[in-house]
Each structure stands twice: as C-alpha cells, then as structure tokens.
C-alpha atoms as a PDB file:
ATOM      1  CA  MET A   1    -100.025  64.049 -72.278  1.00  0.00           C
ATOM      2  CA  ILE A   2     -96.606  64.436 -73.898  1.00  0.00           C
ATOM      3  CA  ARG A   3     -94.593  67.326 -72.466  1.00  0.00           C
ATOM      4  CA  TYR A   4     -92.028  68.488 -75.037  1.00  0.00           C
ATOM      5  CA  ALA A   5     -89.403  71.022 -74.000  1.00  0.00           C
ATOM      6  CA  ILE A   6     -87.867  73.066 -76.780  1.00  0.00           C
ATOM      7  CA  THR A   7     -84.635  74.722 -75.776  1.00  0.00           C
ATOM      8  CA  ASP A   8     -83.222  78.051 -76.740  1.00  0.00           C
ATOM      9  CA  ARG A   9     -80.912  80.489 -75.043  1.00  0.00           C
ATOM     10  CA  THR A  10     -83.675  81.634 -72.668  1.00  0.00           C
ATOM     11  CA  ASN A  11     -84.150  78.267 -70.949  1.00  0.00           C
ATOM     12  CA  LEU A  12     -80.831  76.491 -71.507  1.00  0.00           C
ATOM     13  CA  SER A  13     -77.282  77.702 -70.989  1.00  0.00           C
ATOM     14  CA  PHE A  14     -74.179  75.625 -71.526  1.00  0.00           C
ATOM     15  CA  VAL A  15     -72.647  77.404 -68.541  1.00  0.00           C
ATOM     16  CA  SER A  16     -75.315  75.807 -66.351  1.00  0.00           C
ATOM     17  CA  LEU A  17     -76.178  72.862 -68.626  1.00  0.00           C
ATOM     18  CA  GLU A  18     -76.292  70.200 -65.922  1.00  0.00           C
ATOM     19  CA  ASN A  19     -78.607  72.249 -63.698  1.00  0.00           C
ATOM     20  CA  ASP A  20     -80.810  73.435 -66.573  1.00  0.00           C
ATOM     21  CA  LEU A  21     -81.318  69.897 -67.857  1.00  0.00           C
ATOM     22  CA  ALA A  22     -82.044  68.600 -64.354  1.00  0.00           C
ATOM     23  CA  ARG A  23     -84.703  71.319 -63.944  1.00  0.00           C
ATOM     24  CA  ILE A  24     -86.310  70.631 -67.337  1.00  0.00           C
ATOM     25  CA  ALA A  25     -86.156  66.844 -66.843  1.00  0.00           C
ATOM     26  CA  LYS A  26     -88.541  67.161 -63.905  1.00  0.00           C
ATOM     27  CA  GLN A  27     -91.195  68.562 -66.246  1.00  0.00           C
ATOM     28  CA  ALA A  28     -90.603  67.091 -69.733  1.00  0.00           C
ATOM     29  CA  ASP A  29     -90.942  63.761 -71.556  1.00  0.00           C
ATOM     30  CA  MET A  30     -89.030  64.963 -74.604  1.00  0.00           C
ATOM     31  CA  ILE A  31     -86.404  67.631 -75.140  1.00  0.00           C
ATOM     32  CA  LEU A  32     -85.168  69.340 -78.292  1.00  0.00           C
ATOM     33  CA  TYR A  33     -81.808  71.047 -78.581  1.00  0.00           C
ATOM     34  CA  ARG A  34     -82.557  73.964 -80.880  1.00  0.00           C
ATOM     35  CA  ASP A  35     -80.116  76.787 -81.493  1.00  0.00           C
ATOM     36  CA  LYS A  36     -80.573  78.052 -85.031  1.00  0.00           C
ATOM     37  CA  ALA A  37     -77.911  80.754 -84.752  1.00  0.00           C
ATOM     38  CA  ASN A  38     -75.065  78.629 -83.358  1.00  0.00           C
ATOM     39  CA  PRO A  39     -72.337  78.035 -85.973  1.00  0.00           C
ATOM     40  CA  SER A  40     -70.918  75.337 -83.663  1.00  0.00           C
ATOM     41  CA  TYR A  41     -74.232  73.503 -83.326  1.00  0.00           C
ATOM     42  CA  ALA A  42     -72.679  70.047 -83.803  1.00  0.00           C
ATOM     43  CA  GLN A  43     -70.170  70.528 -80.987  1.00  0.00           C
ATOM     44  CA  PHE A  44     -72.810  71.853 -78.607  1.00  0.00           C
ATOM     45  CA  ALA A  45     -75.232  69.106 -79.651  1.00  0.00           C
ATOM     46  CA  GLU A  46     -72.662  66.516 -78.625  1.00  0.00           C
ATOM     47  CA  LEU A  47     -72.371  68.078 -75.163  1.00  0.00           C
ATOM     48  CA  PHE A  48     -76.133  68.398 -74.932  1.00  0.00           C
ATOM     49  CA  VAL A  49     -76.821  64.749 -75.815  1.00  0.00           C
ATOM     50  CA  LYS A  50     -74.129  63.498 -73.437  1.00  0.00           C
ATOM     51  CA  GLU A  51     -75.512  65.497 -70.514  1.00  0.00           C
ATOM     52  CA  ALA A  52     -79.174  64.872 -71.400  1.00  0.00           C
ATOM     53  CA  ARG A  53     -78.517  61.093 -71.418  1.00  0.00           C
ATOM     54  CA  LYS A  54     -78.028  61.304 -67.654  1.00  0.00           C
ATOM     55  CA  HIS A  55     -81.803  61.736 -67.475  1.00  0.00           C
ATOM     56  CA  SER A  56     -83.045  58.472 -68.953  1.00  0.00           C
ATOM     57  CA  SER A  57     -86.702  59.318 -68.610  1.00  0.00           C
ATOM     58  CA  TRP A  58     -86.990  61.395 -71.788  1.00  0.00           C
ATOM     59  CA  LYS A  59     -86.471  61.373 -75.541  1.00  0.00           C
ATOM     60  CA  ILE A  60     -83.643  63.562 -76.836  1.00  0.00           C
ATOM     61  CA  LEU A  61     -84.039  65.242 -80.221  1.00  0.00           C
ATOM     62  CA  LEU A  62     -81.873  67.465 -82.376  1.00  0.00           C
ATOM     63  CA  HIS A  63     -83.199  70.207 -84.612  1.00  0.00           C
ATOM     64  CA  GLY A  64     -83.116  69.490 -88.331  1.00  0.00           C
ATOM     65  CA  GLU A  65     -79.837  67.521 -88.308  1.00  0.00           C
ATOM     66  CA  ILE A  66     -80.606  63.917 -89.271  1.00  0.00           C
ATOM     67  CA  GLU A  67     -77.024  62.700 -89.741  1.00  0.00           C
ATOM     68  CA  LEU A  68     -75.904  64.381 -86.539  1.00  0.00           C
ATOM     69  CA  ALA A  69     -78.818  62.886 -84.584  1.00  0.00           C
ATOM     70  CA  LYS A  70     -77.898  59.449 -85.910  1.00  0.00           C
ATOM     71  CA  ASN A  71     -74.179  59.862 -85.197  1.00  0.00           C
ATOM     72  CA  LEU A  72     -74.723  61.180 -81.659  1.00  0.00           C
ATOM     73  CA  LYS A  73     -77.313  58.483 -80.967  1.00  0.00           C
ATOM     74  CA  ALA A  74     -80.031  60.992 -80.185  1.00  0.00           C
ATOM     75  CA  ASP A  75     -83.491  59.472 -80.016  1.00  0.00           C
ATOM     76  CA  GLY A  76     -84.812  61.597 -82.809  1.00  0.00           C
ATOM     77  CA  VAL A  77     -84.947  64.669 -84.938  1.00  0.00           C
ATOM     78  CA  HIS A  78     -87.343  67.586 -85.206  1.00  0.00           C
ATOM     79  CA  LEU A  79     -87.695  68.715 -88.811  1.00  0.00           C
ATOM     80  CA  THR A  80     -88.980  72.094 -89.939  1.00  0.00           C
ATOM     81  CA  SER A  81     -91.908  72.447 -92.313  1.00  0.00           C
ATOM     82  CA  LEU A  82     -89.334  73.067 -95.076  1.00  0.00           C
ATOM     83  CA  GLN A  83     -87.696  69.688 -94.351  1.00  0.00           C
ATOM     84  CA  LEU A  84     -90.729  67.402 -94.702  1.00  0.00           C
ATOM     85  CA  ASP A  85     -89.096  65.622 -97.669  1.00  0.00           C
ATOM     86  CA  MET A  86     -86.405  64.434 -95.245  1.00  0.00           C
ATOM     87  CA  ILE A  87     -88.836  62.411 -93.120  1.00  0.00           C
ATOM     88  CA  PRO A  88     -88.181  59.107 -94.960  1.00  0.00           C
ATOM     89  CA  LYS A  89     -84.412  59.495 -94.476  1.00  0.00           C
ATOM     90  CA  ALA A  90     -84.850  60.099 -90.740  1.00  0.00           C
ATOM     91  CA  LYS A  91     -87.073  57.034 -90.504  1.00  0.00           C
ATOM     92  CA  GLU A  92     -84.460  54.932 -92.370  1.00  0.00           C
ATOM     93  CA  PHE A  93     -82.068  55.751 -89.526  1.00  0.00           C
ATOM     94  CA  GLY A  94     -84.658  54.671 -86.957  1.00  0.00           C
ATOM     95  CA  LEU A  95     -85.053  58.168 -85.544  1.00  0.00           C
ATOM     96  CA  LEU A  96     -88.170  59.373 -83.790  1.00  0.00           C
ATOM     97  CA  THR A  97     -89.312  61.972 -86.298  1.00  0.00           C
ATOM     98  CA  VAL A  98     -91.264  65.072 -85.342  1.00  0.00           C
ATOM     99  CA  ALA A  99     -92.308  67.477 -88.099  1.00  0.00           C
ATOM    100  CA  SER A 100     -93.258  71.125 -87.630  1.00  0.00           C
ATOM    101  CA  CYS A 101     -96.543  71.890 -89.346  1.00  0.00           C
ATOM    102  CA  HIS A 102     -98.514  75.108 -89.658  1.00  0.00           C
ATOM    103  CA  THR A 103    -101.264  74.011 -92.067  1.00  0.00           C
ATOM    104  CA  GLN A 104    -103.491  71.001 -92.564  1.00  0.00           C
ATOM    105  CA  ALA A 105    -101.732  70.328 -95.874  1.00  0.00           C
ATOM    106  CA  GLU A 106     -98.336  70.142 -94.158  1.00  0.00           C
ATOM    107  CA  ALA A 107     -99.757  67.833 -91.478  1.00  0.00           C
ATOM    108  CA  ARG A 108    -101.230  65.500 -94.079  1.00  0.00           C
ATOM    109  CA  ARG A 109     -97.945  65.480 -95.968  1.00  0.00           C
ATOM    110  CA  ALA A 110     -95.933  64.733 -92.817  1.00  0.00           C
ATOM    111  CA  GLU A 111     -98.262  61.838 -92.045  1.00  0.00           C
ATOM    112  CA  ALA A 112     -98.019  60.467 -95.607  1.00  0.00           C
ATOM    113  CA  LEU A 113     -94.204  60.636 -95.460  1.00  0.00           C
ATOM    114  CA  GLY A 114     -94.075  58.645 -92.207  1.00  0.00           C
ATOM    115  CA  ALA A 115     -93.530  61.193 -89.406  1.00  0.00           C
ATOM    116  CA  ASP A 116     -94.109  59.833 -85.908  1.00  0.00           C
ATOM    117  CA  MET A 117     -95.788  63.008 -84.689  1.00  0.00           C
ATOM    118  CA  ILE A 118     -96.159  66.651 -85.590  1.00  0.00           C
ATOM    119  CA  THR A 119     -96.077  69.948 -83.828  1.00  0.00           C
ATOM    120  CA  TYR A 120     -98.917  72.233 -84.915  1.00  0.00           C
ATOM    121  CA  SER A 121     -98.410  75.928 -84.398  1.00  0.00           C
ATOM    122  CA  PRO A 122     -98.951  78.551 -83.309  1.00  0.00           C
ATOM    123  CA  ILE A 123    -101.994  77.643 -81.254  1.00  0.00           C
ATOM    124  CA  PHE A 124    -101.876  80.719 -79.016  1.00  0.00           C
ATOM    125  CA  GLU A 125    -100.248  84.121 -79.402  1.00  0.00           C
ATOM    126  CA  SER A 126     -96.464  83.707 -79.504  1.00  0.00           C
ATOM    127  CA  PRO A 127     -93.816  86.366 -80.179  1.00  0.00           C
ATOM    128  CA  GLY A 128     -92.929  86.589 -83.870  1.00  0.00           C
ATOM    129  CA  LYS A 129     -95.079  83.615 -84.926  1.00  0.00           C
ATOM    130  CA  GLY A 130     -97.961  85.370 -86.660  1.00  0.00           C
ATOM    131  CA  LYS A 131    -101.681  84.982 -86.096  1.00  0.00           C
ATOM    132  CA  PRO A 132    -102.528  82.042 -83.804  1.00  0.00           C
ATOM    133  CA  LEU A 133    -104.360  79.094 -85.341  1.00  0.00           C
ATOM    134  CA  GLY A 134    -106.467  78.621 -82.213  1.00  0.00           C
ATOM    135  CA  LEU A 135    -107.991  75.643 -80.472  1.00  0.00           C
ATOM    136  CA  GLY A 136    -110.624  75.191 -83.187  1.00  0.00           C
ATOM    137  CA  ALA A 137    -107.930  74.525 -85.798  1.00  0.00           C
ATOM    138  CA  LEU A 138    -106.293  72.046 -83.448  1.00  0.00           C
ATOM    139  CA  GLU A 139    -109.578  70.223 -82.933  1.00  0.00           C
ATOM    140  CA  GLU A 140    -110.257  70.196 -86.674  1.00  0.00           C
ATOM    141  CA  LEU A 141    -106.814  68.753 -87.463  1.00  0.00           C
ATOM    142  CA  HIS A 142    -107.349  66.054 -84.834  1.00  0.00           C
ATOM    143  CA  GLY A 143    -110.281  64.837 -86.913  1.00  0.00           C
ATOM    144  CA  ILE A 144    -108.199  64.744 -90.115  1.00  0.00           C
ATOM    145  CA  ILE A 145    -104.946  62.972 -89.255  1.00  0.00           C
ATOM    146  CA  SER A 146    -104.149  60.007 -87.042  1.00  0.00           C
ATOM    147  CA  LEU A 147    -100.665  61.120 -85.960  1.00  0.00           C
ATOM    148  CA  PRO A 148    -100.129  62.433 -82.449  1.00  0.00           C
ATOM    149  CA  ILE A 149    -100.447  66.221 -82.556  1.00  0.00           C
ATOM    150  CA  ILE A 150     -98.251  68.270 -80.251  1.00  0.00           C
ATOM    151  CA  ALA A 151     -99.720  71.742 -79.727  1.00  0.00           C
ATOM    152  CA  LEU A 152     -97.093  74.495 -79.906  1.00  0.00           C
ATOM    153  CA  GLY A 153     -97.051  78.240 -79.597  1.00  0.00           C
ATOM    154  CA  GLY A 154     -97.784  80.461 -76.636  1.00  0.00           C
ATOM    155  CA  ILE A 155     -98.418  77.631 -74.186  1.00  0.00           C
ATOM    156  CA  LEU A 156     -97.572  78.991 -70.755  1.00  0.00           C
ATOM    157  CA  THR A 157    -100.196  77.711 -68.321  1.00  0.00           C
ATOM    158  CA  GLN A 158    -101.823  74.480 -67.201  1.00  0.00           C
ATOM    159  CA  MET A 159    -105.159  75.908 -68.328  1.00  0.00           C
ATOM    160  CA  GLN A 160    -103.821  76.205 -71.897  1.00  0.00           C
ATOM    161  CA  ILE A 161    -102.381  72.676 -71.721  1.00  0.00           C
ATOM    162  CA  ASP A 162    -105.756  71.320 -70.586  1.00  0.00           C
ATOM    163  CA  ALA A 163    -107.540  73.210 -73.380  1.00  0.00           C
ATOM    164  CA  CYS A 164    -105.142  71.748 -75.969  1.00  0.00           C
ATOM    165  CA  GLN A 165    -105.757  68.252 -74.636  1.00  0.00           C
ATOM    166  CA  GLU A 166    -109.521  68.793 -74.796  1.00  0.00           C
ATOM    167  CA  ALA A 167    -109.091  69.910 -78.439  1.00  0.00           C
ATOM    168  CA  GLY A 168    -107.385  66.608 -79.273  1.00  0.00           C
ATOM    169  CA  ALA A 169    -103.693  67.295 -78.770  1.00  0.00           C
ATOM    170  CA  SER A 170    -101.585  64.356 -77.606  1.00  0.00           C
ATOM    171  CA  GLY A 171     -99.177  66.747 -75.977  1.00  0.00           C
ATOM    172  CA  PHE A 172     -97.758  70.238 -75.921  1.00  0.00           C
ATOM    173  CA  ALA A 173     -94.408  71.793 -76.720  1.00  0.00           C
ATOM    174  CA  SER A 174     -93.059  75.027 -75.384  1.00  0.00           C
ATOM    175  CA  ILE A 175     -89.960  77.073 -74.750  1.00  0.00           C
ATOM    176  CA  ARG A 176     -91.248  79.525 -72.160  1.00  0.00           C
ATOM    177  CA  PHE A 177     -93.224  76.973 -70.106  1.00  0.00           C
ATOM    178  CA  PHE A 178     -89.935  75.245 -69.275  1.00  0.00           C
ATOM    179  CA  GLN A 179     -88.012  78.386 -68.232  1.00  0.00           C
END
C-alpha cells in the first residue's frame, strides 16, 4: 500500500526540516511539498527537495509546479483538479504525475490524459473539504478506472487505511496521519 505524505505547516517546518523529513520518511513512500500560501514557494521547494533527497527511499513531488519540479529534479508533480489539462506536459518531462480528483468524471479524465495515479477525496470527514465521498464511492471508482487510486481525506488511523485498501485503494494520502 502506497503511503503518501502531504505536507503543510502542521507537519513540516523549515526550522526543523531535517528532523521533520526524517520522521516522515520512516512512514511514507511518497512526499508532497504543498504550501499554497507561500509566495516564496520556489525557494522553499529547492530546500525541501535537497533535504528530502537524503532519504532515497521515497518519491518527492511538488504541488502544481511542473517546470519547477523538472528544474529541481523532483520525481513528480501533484496537480489539482483544475490542472488536469497539464497532465500531458508533466508526462513530457518524465514526471510522476498525480492528479487530485473529486468525481468519477475527473478520474476518468485524468486517466485519459495519462496521469500515473490519482488521489480521490475526501473519503472521510476532513476539515473544510465538504461531505465525504465514503468507502462505497472509492470501491465504485476502483471498478471504473485502472489507475492506482490513492484515498485522501480524513485518514488518521490504521483501521481507515485498511478499509480504504479493502475498497480498492492502492494507497492513502494524508496530512494529519504524518504529524
């Protein structure tokens, strides 16, 4: 099962970057540097990638920044549901491409455009993310697309991870699980 850590200011600080990454590396196969509000994202992304490279066991992704991911030699990029049209460009650069999806239509589109995997969310209750889709929606999507599906949203416990896997998820992504 893929274990995908999504960072934000609650689980990653650049003051303690080395320690935070070492802690997360023990639990994750993939890590995303996400900081939507940082006007200096590119500078921090460079520091993040450099430090994250010290942990060779995982894939390093940047949020929504294809050119930056390519230039910093990140392993991939995580695109929002509003950036699905950018999937072919990311693939041209050889980037592992994860697409955020919230509907079956978005998931089908991401697959048709060549994404490597999708996140599907929110599966469980998650602050500010609206009504959860639930495990049934995850299971239904698993029968529709062939891409790996990474369950996202409100995943805090091993019991939830196991339930997502039973519903057909290839992995899970979380912020709070990796705090």
